[in-house]
Amino acid sequence: MNTKEIVSRLEYKLLKGSLDQVVTGICFDSRKVKPGDVFVCIRGASFDSHDALLDIDSCNPALIIVDESCKLDLSAVSSTVIATSDTRHAKAVVSAAFYGYPAEKLKMVGVTGSKGKTTVTTMIMASLREAGYRAASIGSNGVNLGDEVLEVANTTPDSDQMQRFLSIMVSKGIEYAVLECSSQGLMQHRTDMINFDVGVFLNIQHGDHVGTDEHPTFENYAYCKSLLLQQCNTGIVNLDDENIDFIVKNATCNLITVGHDGIHKKTDKLGSRPDYVISEPHTKECSGFIGEEFKLSGKLNDTVFVNMPGEFVPLNGAATIATIDALGIPTEAAKKALSHIHINGRVDMIYRTEDLSVCIDSAHTRESTRAVLEALRAYNPKRLVCVFGAGGNRDIERRIGMGESSGKYADFSIITTEHNRFEPFETILEGVKSGLEPTGGKYMVIENRPEAIHYAITQSEPGDLVAIIGLGDDKYQHINGVNVPQDDDKCARKAIKEWEENKSK
């Protein structure tokens, strides 16, 4: 591949040199440039690689791509340089070209929402596999290729990694790729060069991902979520969401709606009745585990059981079925997959007996904490014990809300660490306590997360259900710039084994 080919789908202006160089790689880290690389300069939060232009040039790259708004002195630069209006978009363009435009060789599904992305992504992938297709996913639980799972740094990986993962899928004969599309990922062009066959919008919540490190305002957050509906052929959207008019305002796709029966106001673009109407939702026990059953009417008339408890489960299940239907696949496959679905770290009941039950979930906001604790009440525990922490360097309302929800909906709370990031545990703790203490809920503090999990399980009372929330399937905690290994599942199972041994004595 040469430089002209790799920028053939990019609008640019040639500033210096010629586009007849041989390309051997792509690079976005000024410390790792090799001869023959295409280097894209990015203005990051803490470093602008435009400032390292001479160092980059000294490594003899095939091409340097810069932002046209930068005033650069190129007199000492010997490499070919082009300028473009958005280098994050350019990064996606050259990455897609370098890996052979893999998204064009796959059927693509994207899922966005404040809550439920991982759940619905996994549900859709499981449904596709149930139907006999080779399907993979990319999201917070990694890149699931079926025969292996690759780790990711972000829920929606950077565009170069995204294109690399998609190319791996193509090489493995994968037919469908299901992607979690975070608001940050959409905003930073990580999914550019992907045309989704189906895009799914689940919900958007105030107070989530709004802050100095993320989105400046709720409006910006919602706008970034809505971008998925400008990047897909068909959009499956939740008509129940109070911000749905804003979300679909600039949609360029065919829109299909899901929602509960009889609760909708008239919307500007979608009417007031969903295409897939959910009615009569209720909890149902199956083999000792609680799930949700509901009826669907409209485009499909059927009864669906999802092997997970919780108030959002019917919407997630309906969105999954609508997606499979939109792809032209029989919905019986989705129904069967949902009836035995299991998702690591999402209302994940890893242990269940009369004396002790243990559940792991990723809830990390007021609403998601309330929702998971209320869902677990369906198991009728004698005590519901919640082990949780709140994220540092995030909107303080999150920690206050988590404390309030645990205080209200759990019988006993154990406050511990989560992703502290660069914030002291003591300041996070004060915020959590300010939400919990007014509820009158009983609690204790154990800063070390493994110790907190160990205590909750080994010191449990007969009939306890221990909910360990916040990290879900994460395998580490961000603490002071270091990824500290932490696996809630392994910690819990180790403590359960000790509890069983003590019980048998």
Protein backbone atom coordinates (compact mmCIF):
# COMPACT_ATOMS: atom_id res chain seq x y z
CA MET A 1 0.00 0.00 0.00
CA ASN A 2 1.21 3.51 -0.74
CA THR A 3 0.33 6.85 0.81
CA LYS A 4 -2.09 7.78 -1.97
CA GLU A 5 -4.11 4.60 -1.40
CA ILE A 6 -4.26 4.96 2.38
CA VAL A 7 -5.73 8.48 2.18
CA SER A 8 -7.98 7.80 -0.82
CA ARG A 9 -11.16 8.23 1.31
CA LEU A 10 -9.91 11.28 3.22
CA GLU A 11 -10.40 14.95 2.35
CA TYR A 12 -7.03 16.65 2.74
CA LYS A 13 -4.61 19.28 1.49
CA LEU A 14 -1.05 18.34 0.53
CA LEU A 15 1.31 20.68 2.39
CA LYS A 16 4.66 19.11 1.56
CA GLY A 17 6.17 16.22 -0.42
CA SER A 18 4.42 13.68 -2.64
CA LEU A 19 1.98 10.82 -2.08
CA ASP A 20 4.03 8.01 -3.59
CA GLN A 21 5.64 6.58 -0.46
CA VAL A 22 5.40 2.92 0.57
CA VAL A 23 3.36 2.45 3.75
CA THR A 24 4.47 -0.30 6.15
CA GLY A 25 2.56 0.69 9.31
CA ILE A 26 0.36 3.21 11.11
CA CYS A 27 1.33 4.99 14.32
CA PHE A 28 -0.21 7.46 16.76
CA ASP A 29 2.43 7.51 19.50
CA SER A 30 5.29 9.92 18.79
CA ARG A 31 7.67 7.74 20.82
CA LYS A 32 7.11 4.67 18.62
CA VAL A 33 7.36 5.95 15.04
CA LYS A 34 9.10 3.66 12.54
CA PRO A 35 10.26 4.31 8.96
CA GLY A 36 7.36 3.81 6.56
CA ASP A 37 4.65 4.62 9.13
CA VAL A 38 1.69 6.89 8.54
CA PHE A 39 1.62 9.11 11.62
CA VAL A 40 -1.53 11.01 12.62
CA CYS A 41 -1.10 13.94 14.99
CA ILE A 42 -3.76 14.06 17.72
CA ARG A 43 -4.55 16.80 20.21
CA GLY A 44 -4.98 14.76 23.39
CA ALA A 45 -6.11 15.82 26.85
CA SER A 46 -2.54 15.97 28.18
CA PHE A 47 -0.33 15.94 25.06
CA ASP A 48 -0.52 17.36 21.54
CA SER A 49 1.63 15.33 19.14
CA HIS A 50 1.83 18.33 16.79
CA ASP A 51 4.37 19.64 19.32
CA ALA A 52 6.64 16.67 18.55
CA LEU A 53 6.60 17.17 14.77
CA LEU A 54 10.40 17.33 14.34
CA ASP A 55 10.94 14.21 16.46
CA ILE A 56 8.32 12.37 14.40
CA ASP A 57 9.93 13.57 11.15
CA SER A 58 13.37 12.33 12.26
CA CYS A 59 12.03 8.74 12.26
CA ASN A 60 11.36 8.90 8.49
CA PRO A 61 7.62 8.20 8.40
CA ALA A 62 5.95 7.74 5.01
CA LEU A 63 3.37 10.41 5.82
CA ILE A 64 2.44 12.83 8.61
CA ILE A 65 -1.19 13.97 8.93
CA VAL A 66 -1.82 17.22 10.82
CA ASP A 67 -4.82 19.32 11.82
CA GLU A 68 -5.39 22.13 9.32
CA SER A 69 -6.08 24.59 12.14
CA CYS A 70 -2.52 24.25 13.48
CA LYS A 71 -0.01 26.90 12.42
CA LEU A 72 3.08 24.79 11.78
CA ASP A 73 6.55 25.62 10.53
CA LEU A 74 7.41 22.85 8.05
CA SER A 75 10.66 24.32 6.79
CA ALA A 76 12.76 21.75 8.69
CA VAL A 77 10.43 18.82 7.96
CA SER A 78 11.49 16.42 5.20
CA SER A 79 8.52 14.00 5.34
CA THR A 80 5.34 14.26 3.26
CA VAL A 81 2.70 16.21 5.24
CA ILE A 82 -1.02 16.59 4.60
CA ALA A 83 -3.61 18.60 6.55
CA THR A 84 -7.18 17.63 7.30
CA SER A 85 -10.06 19.13 9.27
CA ASP A 86 -10.24 16.43 11.97
CA THR A 87 -7.30 14.17 12.68
CA ARG A 88 -9.32 11.79 14.89
CA HIS A 89 -11.50 11.11 11.86
CA ALA A 90 -8.34 10.79 9.75
CA LYS A 91 -7.04 8.21 12.22
CA ALA A 92 -10.14 6.10 11.61
CA VAL A 93 -9.86 6.52 7.82
CA VAL A 94 -6.23 5.43 7.52
CA SER A 95 -6.75 2.61 10.05
CA ALA A 96 -9.67 1.22 8.04
CA ALA A 97 -7.63 1.47 4.83
CA PHE A 98 -4.56 -0.18 6.40
CA TYR A 99 -6.61 -3.17 7.59
CA GLY A 100 -8.51 -3.53 4.31
CA TYR A 101 -11.85 -1.94 5.33
CA PRO A 102 -12.92 -4.93 7.47
CA ALA A 103 -16.30 -3.44 8.52
CA GLU A 104 -17.42 -3.68 4.89
CA LYS A 105 -16.92 -7.46 5.05
CA LEU A 106 -19.08 -7.93 8.16
CA LYS A 107 -22.67 -7.36 9.18
CA MET A 108 -22.40 -4.66 11.85
CA VAL A 109 -24.61 -3.93 14.89
CA GLY A 110 -23.95 -1.03 17.29
CA VAL A 111 -25.47 -0.58 20.75
CA THR A 112 -25.45 2.63 22.79
CA GLY A 113 -27.05 3.71 26.07
CA SER A 114 -26.18 4.85 29.58
CA LYS A 115 -27.09 1.40 30.86
CA GLY A 116 -27.43 -2.01 29.28
CA LYS A 117 -24.85 -1.82 26.45
CA THR A 118 -22.95 -4.91 27.56
CA THR A 119 -26.14 -6.81 28.36
CA VAL A 120 -27.82 -6.14 25.01
CA THR A 121 -24.61 -6.61 23.02
CA THR A 122 -24.20 -10.04 24.63
CA MET A 123 -27.89 -10.86 24.10
CA ILE A 124 -27.66 -10.02 20.39
CA MET A 125 -24.44 -11.99 19.95
CA ALA A 126 -25.93 -15.01 21.75
CA SER A 127 -29.06 -14.80 19.57
CA LEU A 128 -26.99 -14.72 16.38
CA ARG A 129 -24.99 -17.73 17.51
CA GLU A 130 -28.20 -19.52 18.45
CA ALA A 131 -29.37 -18.92 14.88
CA GLY A 132 -26.23 -20.62 13.57
CA TYR A 133 -24.17 -17.57 12.62
CA ARG A 134 -20.57 -16.84 13.60
CA ALA A 135 -20.83 -13.71 15.74
CA ALA A 136 -18.37 -11.71 17.83
CA SER A 137 -18.61 -8.65 20.06
CA ILE A 138 -16.49 -5.75 21.24
CA GLY A 139 -17.22 -4.02 24.55
CA SER A 140 -16.42 -3.67 28.21
CA ASN A 141 -16.08 -7.45 28.60
CA GLY A 142 -13.42 -7.53 25.87
CA VAL A 143 -13.40 -8.77 22.29
CA ASN A 144 -15.38 -12.01 22.32
CA LEU A 145 -14.37 -14.08 19.32
CA GLY A 146 -15.98 -17.28 20.52
CA ASP A 147 -12.79 -19.31 20.85
CA GLU A 148 -10.95 -16.57 22.74
CA VAL A 149 -11.51 -13.22 24.46
CA LEU A 150 -9.08 -10.33 23.91
CA GLU A 151 -8.69 -7.50 26.42
CA VAL A 152 -9.61 -3.91 25.54
CA ALA A 153 -8.55 -0.64 27.17
CA ASN A 154 -11.89 1.08 26.48
CA THR A 155 -15.48 -0.08 26.07
CA THR A 156 -15.24 1.27 22.51
CA PRO A 157 -11.57 0.90 21.48
CA ASP A 158 -9.64 3.61 19.64
CA SER A 159 -10.25 3.48 15.89
CA ASP A 160 -6.93 1.81 15.04
CA GLN A 161 -7.58 -0.97 17.54
CA MET A 162 -11.20 -1.21 16.46
CA GLN A 163 -10.19 -1.78 12.84
CA ARG A 164 -7.54 -4.30 13.90
CA PHE A 165 -10.08 -6.28 15.92
CA LEU A 166 -12.54 -6.23 13.02
CA SER A 167 -9.83 -7.49 10.68
CA ILE A 168 -9.16 -10.38 13.10
CA MET A 169 -12.86 -11.22 12.93
CA VAL A 170 -12.76 -11.26 9.14
CA SER A 171 -9.73 -13.58 9.19
CA LYS A 172 -11.63 -15.95 11.51
CA GLY A 173 -14.69 -16.11 9.27
CA ILE A 174 -16.92 -14.10 11.61
CA GLU A 175 -20.14 -12.97 9.93
CA TYR A 176 -21.63 -10.54 12.49
CA ALA A 177 -19.87 -8.03 14.77
CA VAL A 178 -21.81 -6.45 17.65
CA LEU A 179 -20.21 -3.34 19.15
CA GLU A 180 -20.78 -1.35 22.32
CA CYS A 181 -20.71 2.28 21.23
CA SER A 182 -19.94 4.58 24.16
CA SER A 183 -20.66 8.30 23.99
CA GLN A 184 -16.90 8.98 24.22
CA GLY A 185 -16.26 6.50 21.42
CA LEU A 186 -18.81 8.13 19.16
CA MET A 187 -17.60 11.64 20.03
CA GLN A 188 -13.95 10.74 19.34
CA HIS A 189 -14.68 9.11 15.97
CA ARG A 190 -13.67 5.63 17.13
CA THR A 191 -16.49 4.08 15.10
CA ASP A 192 -15.96 6.18 11.99
CA MET A 193 -15.64 4.11 8.79
CA ILE A 194 -18.25 1.69 10.13
CA ASN A 195 -21.73 1.67 8.63
CA PHE A 196 -23.95 -0.25 11.03
CA ASP A 197 -26.69 -2.41 9.58
CA VAL A 198 -28.57 -1.88 12.85
CA GLY A 199 -27.97 0.68 15.61
CA VAL A 200 -29.65 0.31 19.01
CA PHE A 201 -30.38 3.19 21.40
CA LEU A 202 -31.34 1.96 24.88
CA ASN A 203 -31.54 4.95 27.25
CA ILE A 204 -29.79 8.01 28.57
CA GLN A 205 -29.54 9.06 32.22
CA HIS A 206 -28.80 12.43 33.79
CA GLY A 207 -25.71 12.58 35.97
CA ASP A 208 -23.93 9.78 34.10
CA HIS A 209 -20.66 10.56 32.25
CA VAL A 210 -21.10 14.31 32.69
CA GLY A 211 -18.10 16.03 34.25
CA THR A 212 -14.71 17.57 33.60
CA ASP A 213 -13.16 14.29 32.42
CA GLU A 214 -16.05 13.30 30.17
CA HIS A 215 -18.91 15.36 28.65
CA PRO A 216 -19.21 19.04 29.63
CA THR A 217 -23.03 19.03 29.64
CA PHE A 218 -25.91 16.57 29.51
CA GLU A 219 -26.88 17.99 26.11
CA ASN A 220 -23.43 17.16 24.75
CA TYR A 221 -23.65 13.67 26.24
CA ALA A 222 -27.07 13.07 24.65
CA TYR A 223 -25.92 14.47 21.31
CA CYS A 224 -22.95 12.08 21.23
CA LYS A 225 -25.27 9.15 21.97
CA SER A 226 -27.52 10.22 19.10
CA LEU A 227 -24.66 10.07 16.58
CA LEU A 228 -25.14 6.30 16.25
CA LEU A 229 -28.48 6.96 14.53
CA GLN A 230 -26.61 8.89 11.82
CA GLN A 231 -24.30 5.95 11.23
CA CYS A 232 -26.71 3.06 10.68
CA ASN A 233 -29.32 1.83 8.19
CA THR A 234 -31.94 0.88 10.81
CA GLY A 235 -32.25 2.26 14.32
CA ILE A 236 -33.94 0.38 17.17
CA VAL A 237 -34.91 2.97 19.80
CA ASN A 238 -36.50 2.95 23.25
CA LEU A 239 -39.70 4.98 23.05
CA ASP A 240 -39.94 4.99 26.87
CA ASP A 241 -36.91 7.27 27.24
CA GLU A 242 -37.91 10.81 28.19
CA ASN A 243 -35.23 12.29 25.89
CA ILE A 244 -36.17 10.26 22.83
CA ASP A 245 -37.26 13.31 20.78
CA PHE A 246 -33.80 14.83 21.16
CA ILE A 247 -32.06 11.51 20.43
CA VAL A 248 -33.89 10.91 17.12
CA LYS A 249 -34.02 14.55 16.01
CA ASN A 250 -31.14 14.23 13.52
CA ALA A 251 -31.46 10.50 12.81
CA THR A 252 -30.84 9.56 9.18
CA CYS A 253 -31.91 5.91 9.46
CA ASN A 254 -35.17 3.99 9.39
CA LEU A 255 -36.48 4.00 12.98
CA ILE A 256 -38.15 1.10 14.79
CA THR A 257 -39.44 1.56 18.35
CA VAL A 258 -39.75 -0.65 21.43
CA GLY A 259 -41.48 0.29 24.67
CA HIS A 260 -44.04 -0.55 27.32
CA ASP A 261 -47.75 -0.46 26.65
CA GLY A 262 -49.70 2.71 27.42
CA ILE A 263 -47.07 5.01 28.94
CA HIS A 264 -45.98 7.18 26.01
CA LYS A 265 -46.50 10.81 25.23
CA LYS A 266 -46.85 11.80 21.59
CA THR A 267 -43.39 12.22 20.07
CA ASP A 268 -42.49 14.52 17.20
CA LYS A 269 -41.05 11.86 14.94
CA LEU A 270 -42.17 8.47 16.27
CA GLY A 271 -45.81 8.65 17.29
CA SER A 272 -46.98 7.31 20.64
CA ARG A 273 -47.25 3.55 20.19
CA PRO A 274 -44.13 1.36 19.93
CA ASP A 275 -43.63 -1.03 17.02
CA TYR A 276 -42.82 -3.71 19.60
CA VAL A 277 -45.13 -3.26 22.59
CA ILE A 278 -44.13 -4.74 25.95
CA SER A 279 -46.94 -5.72 28.31
CA GLU A 280 -47.58 -7.81 31.42
CA PRO A 281 -43.94 -7.98 32.61
CA HIS A 282 -43.48 -10.13 35.71
CA THR A 283 -40.78 -12.07 37.52
CA LYS A 284 -40.71 -15.81 37.05
CA GLU A 285 -38.63 -18.49 38.74
CA CYS A 286 -36.89 -21.11 36.61
CA SER A 287 -34.63 -23.80 38.12
CA GLY A 288 -34.09 -21.75 41.27
CA PHE A 289 -33.17 -18.56 39.42
CA ILE A 290 -35.32 -15.48 38.82
CA GLY A 291 -35.98 -14.07 35.36
CA GLU A 292 -38.46 -11.77 33.64
CA GLU A 293 -41.32 -12.83 31.40
CA PHE A 294 -43.34 -10.43 29.23
CA LYS A 295 -45.60 -10.29 26.22
CA LEU A 296 -44.77 -8.62 22.92
CA SER A 297 -47.31 -7.31 20.44
CA GLY A 298 -47.26 -5.15 17.33
CA LYS A 299 -44.69 -6.30 14.80
CA LEU A 300 -44.45 -9.56 16.74
CA ASN A 301 -46.97 -11.32 18.96
CA ASP A 302 -45.26 -13.64 21.42
CA THR A 303 -44.32 -14.33 25.04
CA VAL A 304 -40.65 -13.96 25.98
CA PHE A 305 -38.70 -15.16 29.03
CA VAL A 306 -35.29 -13.66 29.84
CA ASN A 307 -33.08 -15.49 32.32
CA MET A 308 -32.23 -12.31 34.28
CA PRO A 309 -34.16 -10.29 36.88
CA GLY A 310 -34.66 -6.53 36.77
CA GLU A 311 -36.98 -3.78 35.59
CA PHE A 312 -34.91 -3.01 32.46
CA VAL A 313 -34.77 -6.63 31.32
CA PRO A 314 -37.98 -6.55 29.22
CA LEU A 315 -36.73 -3.49 27.30
CA ASN A 316 -33.33 -5.09 26.75
CA GLY A 317 -34.98 -8.31 25.62
CA ALA A 318 -37.38 -6.50 23.30
CA ALA A 319 -34.52 -4.48 21.76
CA THR A 320 -32.64 -7.72 21.14
CA ILE A 321 -35.61 -9.35 19.44
CA ALA A 322 -36.30 -6.23 17.35
CA THR A 323 -32.65 -6.22 16.23
CA ILE A 324 -32.71 -9.87 15.20
CA ASP A 325 -35.99 -9.26 13.38
CA ALA A 326 -34.51 -6.23 11.58
CA LEU A 327 -31.59 -8.39 10.44
CA GLY A 328 -34.07 -10.77 8.81
CA ILE A 329 -33.33 -13.64 11.20
CA PRO A 330 -36.14 -15.75 12.77
CA THR A 331 -36.87 -14.43 16.26
CA GLU A 332 -37.20 -17.94 17.71
CA ALA A 333 -33.40 -18.01 17.92
CA ALA A 334 -33.43 -14.85 20.06
CA LYS A 335 -36.19 -16.23 22.30
CA LYS A 336 -34.20 -19.41 22.90
CA ALA A 337 -30.95 -17.54 23.59
CA LEU A 338 -32.64 -15.15 26.03
CA SER A 339 -34.23 -18.03 27.95
CA HIS A 340 -30.81 -19.27 29.09
CA ILE A 341 -28.69 -16.10 28.81
CA HIS A 342 -25.81 -15.61 31.25
CA ILE A 343 -23.64 -12.48 31.24
CA ASN A 344 -20.52 -12.20 33.35
CA GLY A 345 -20.78 -9.32 35.81
CA ARG A 346 -24.38 -8.41 34.95
CA VAL A 347 -26.84 -9.54 37.66
CA ASP A 348 -24.48 -12.51 37.73
CA MET A 349 -25.64 -14.96 40.42
CA ILE A 350 -22.41 -16.89 40.89
CA TYR A 351 -23.62 -18.85 43.94
CA ARG A 352 -27.10 -19.82 45.08
CA THR A 353 -28.17 -21.82 48.14
CA GLU A 354 -30.78 -21.39 50.88
CA ASP A 355 -28.09 -20.20 53.30
CA LEU A 356 -26.09 -17.90 51.02
CA SER A 357 -26.38 -16.33 47.57
CA VAL A 358 -23.77 -14.13 45.89
CA CYS A 359 -24.35 -11.83 42.91
CA ILE A 360 -21.90 -9.65 40.96
CA ASP A 361 -23.00 -6.59 38.97
CA SER A 362 -21.42 -3.53 37.36
CA ALA A 363 -23.90 -0.96 38.77
CA HIS A 364 -22.12 2.34 39.44
CA THR A 365 -24.84 5.02 39.54
CA ARG A 366 -27.84 5.86 41.71
CA GLU A 367 -30.35 4.32 39.29
CA SER A 368 -28.39 1.21 38.39
CA THR A 369 -27.67 0.50 42.09
CA ARG A 370 -31.35 0.86 42.92
CA ALA A 371 -32.37 -1.28 39.95
CA VAL A 372 -30.07 -4.21 40.73
CA LEU A 373 -30.91 -4.22 44.46
CA GLU A 374 -34.64 -4.09 43.73
CA ALA A 375 -34.22 -6.91 41.20
CA LEU A 376 -32.44 -9.07 43.79
CA ARG A 377 -35.32 -8.58 46.23
CA ALA A 378 -37.23 -11.05 44.04
CA TYR A 379 -35.08 -13.77 45.64
CA ASN A 380 -36.59 -12.88 49.05
CA PRO A 381 -33.34 -12.88 51.01
CA LYS A 382 -33.43 -12.57 54.79
CA ARG A 383 -30.81 -9.85 54.41
CA LEU A 384 -29.58 -8.11 51.27
CA VAL A 385 -25.96 -7.06 51.81
CA CYS A 386 -24.42 -4.62 49.32
CA VAL A 387 -20.64 -4.37 48.90
CA PHE A 388 -19.86 -1.31 46.79
CA GLY A 389 -17.56 1.61 46.13
CA ALA A 390 -17.87 4.71 43.97
CA GLY A 391 -15.59 5.95 41.22
CA GLY A 392 -13.15 8.78 41.85
CA ASN A 393 -12.76 11.82 39.59
CA ARG A 394 -16.39 11.57 38.52
CA ASP A 395 -19.48 13.67 39.20
CA ILE A 396 -19.97 13.71 43.00
CA GLU A 397 -23.68 13.04 42.51
CA ARG A 398 -22.78 9.48 41.46
CA ARG A 399 -21.27 8.58 44.82
CA ILE A 400 -24.02 10.35 46.75
CA GLY A 401 -26.64 8.52 44.68
CA MET A 402 -25.01 5.12 45.13
CA GLY A 403 -24.88 5.67 48.89
CA GLU A 404 -28.52 6.70 48.97
CA SER A 405 -29.66 3.71 46.89
CA SER A 406 -27.68 1.20 48.95
CA GLY A 407 -28.96 2.73 52.17
CA LYS A 408 -32.57 2.51 50.98
CA TYR A 409 -32.61 -0.83 49.19
CA ALA A 410 -30.02 -2.97 51.01
CA ASP A 411 -30.31 -4.17 54.59
CA PHE A 412 -26.61 -3.67 55.20
CA SER A 413 -23.91 -1.87 53.20
CA ILE A 414 -20.15 -2.36 53.14
CA ILE A 415 -18.46 0.65 51.57
CA THR A 416 -15.16 -0.10 49.86
CA THR A 417 -13.02 1.05 46.92
CA GLU A 418 -13.92 0.97 43.23
CA HIS A 419 -11.94 2.84 40.54
CA ASN A 420 -10.47 5.55 42.79
CA ARG A 421 -8.48 6.91 39.86
CA PHE A 422 -6.52 9.87 41.28
CA GLU A 423 -8.87 10.75 44.13
CA PRO A 424 -8.26 9.75 47.79
CA PHE A 425 -10.61 7.11 49.12
CA GLU A 426 -11.42 9.36 52.09
CA THR A 427 -13.03 12.06 49.92
CA ILE A 428 -14.99 9.48 47.91
CA LEU A 429 -16.15 7.91 51.16
CA GLU A 430 -17.46 11.22 52.50
CA GLY A 431 -19.62 11.63 49.41
CA VAL A 432 -20.99 8.09 49.68
CA LYS A 433 -21.76 8.55 53.38
CA SER A 434 -23.53 11.86 52.71
CA GLY A 435 -26.00 9.94 50.56
CA LEU A 436 -26.26 6.83 52.75
CA GLU A 437 -26.46 8.19 56.29
CA PRO A 438 -29.70 10.22 55.87
CA THR A 439 -31.46 6.98 54.85
CA GLY A 440 -30.73 5.42 58.24
CA GLY A 441 -29.26 2.37 56.51
CA LYS A 442 -26.73 0.31 58.46
CA TYR A 443 -23.21 0.23 57.07
CA MET A 444 -19.52 -0.33 57.73
CA VAL A 445 -16.35 0.67 55.86
CA ILE A 446 -13.63 -1.72 54.67
CA GLU A 447 -11.33 0.16 52.30
CA ASN A 448 -9.56 -2.90 50.84
CA ARG A 449 -11.98 -4.40 48.30
CA PRO A 450 -10.87 -8.06 48.58
CA GLU A 451 -11.16 -7.79 52.37
CA ALA A 452 -14.64 -6.27 52.07
CA ILE A 453 -15.81 -9.13 49.82
CA HIS A 454 -14.22 -11.71 52.13
CA TYR A 455 -15.91 -10.23 55.20
CA ALA A 456 -19.36 -9.99 53.56
CA ILE A 457 -19.31 -13.67 52.59
CA THR A 458 -17.49 -15.35 55.47
CA GLN A 459 -19.40 -13.35 58.10
CA SER A 460 -22.77 -13.70 56.38
CA GLU A 461 -25.91 -14.68 58.23
CA PRO A 462 -28.13 -17.60 57.11
CA GLY A 463 -30.31 -16.50 54.19
CA ASP A 464 -28.07 -13.57 53.15
CA LEU A 465 -27.77 -12.46 49.54
CA VAL A 466 -24.49 -10.60 49.01
CA ALA A 467 -24.46 -8.17 46.08
CA ILE A 468 -20.95 -7.10 45.01
CA ILE A 469 -21.39 -4.14 42.68
CA GLY A 470 -19.36 -1.57 40.77
CA LEU A 471 -16.69 -3.50 38.87
CA GLY A 472 -18.73 -6.26 37.28
CA ASP A 473 -16.39 -8.28 35.05
CA ASP A 474 -13.49 -5.80 35.27
CA LYS A 475 -10.21 -7.44 36.23
CA TYR A 476 -8.54 -4.42 37.81
CA GLN A 477 -9.07 -1.17 39.70
CA HIS A 478 -7.69 2.19 38.56
CA ILE A 479 -5.86 3.55 41.62
CA ASN A 480 -3.39 6.45 41.41
CA GLY A 481 -2.57 5.80 37.77
CA VAL A 482 -2.00 2.07 38.28
CA ASN A 483 -4.21 -0.82 37.18
CA VAL A 484 -4.33 -2.88 40.37
CA PRO A 485 -5.45 -6.47 39.65
CA GLN A 486 -8.91 -7.15 41.10
CA ASP A 487 -11.32 -9.89 40.09
CA ASP A 488 -14.53 -9.77 42.15
CA ASP A 489 -15.59 -13.20 40.88
CA LYS A 490 -12.36 -14.90 41.98
CA CYS A 491 -12.38 -13.05 45.32
CA ALA A 492 -15.96 -14.08 45.96
CA ARG A 493 -15.42 -17.73 45.01
CA LYS A 494 -12.39 -17.96 47.28
CA ALA A 495 -14.42 -16.57 50.19
CA ILE A 496 -17.35 -18.88 49.35
CA LYS A 497 -15.02 -21.89 49.53
CA GLU A 498 -13.85 -20.78 52.98
CA TRP A 499 -17.47 -20.22 54.06
CA GLU A 500 -18.39 -23.73 52.89
CA GLU A 501 -15.47 -25.26 54.76
CA ASN A 502 -16.37 -23.43 57.96
CA LYS A 503 -20.02 -24.43 57.55
CA SER A 504 -19.13 -28.12 57.24
CA LYS A 505 -17.10 -28.17 60.45
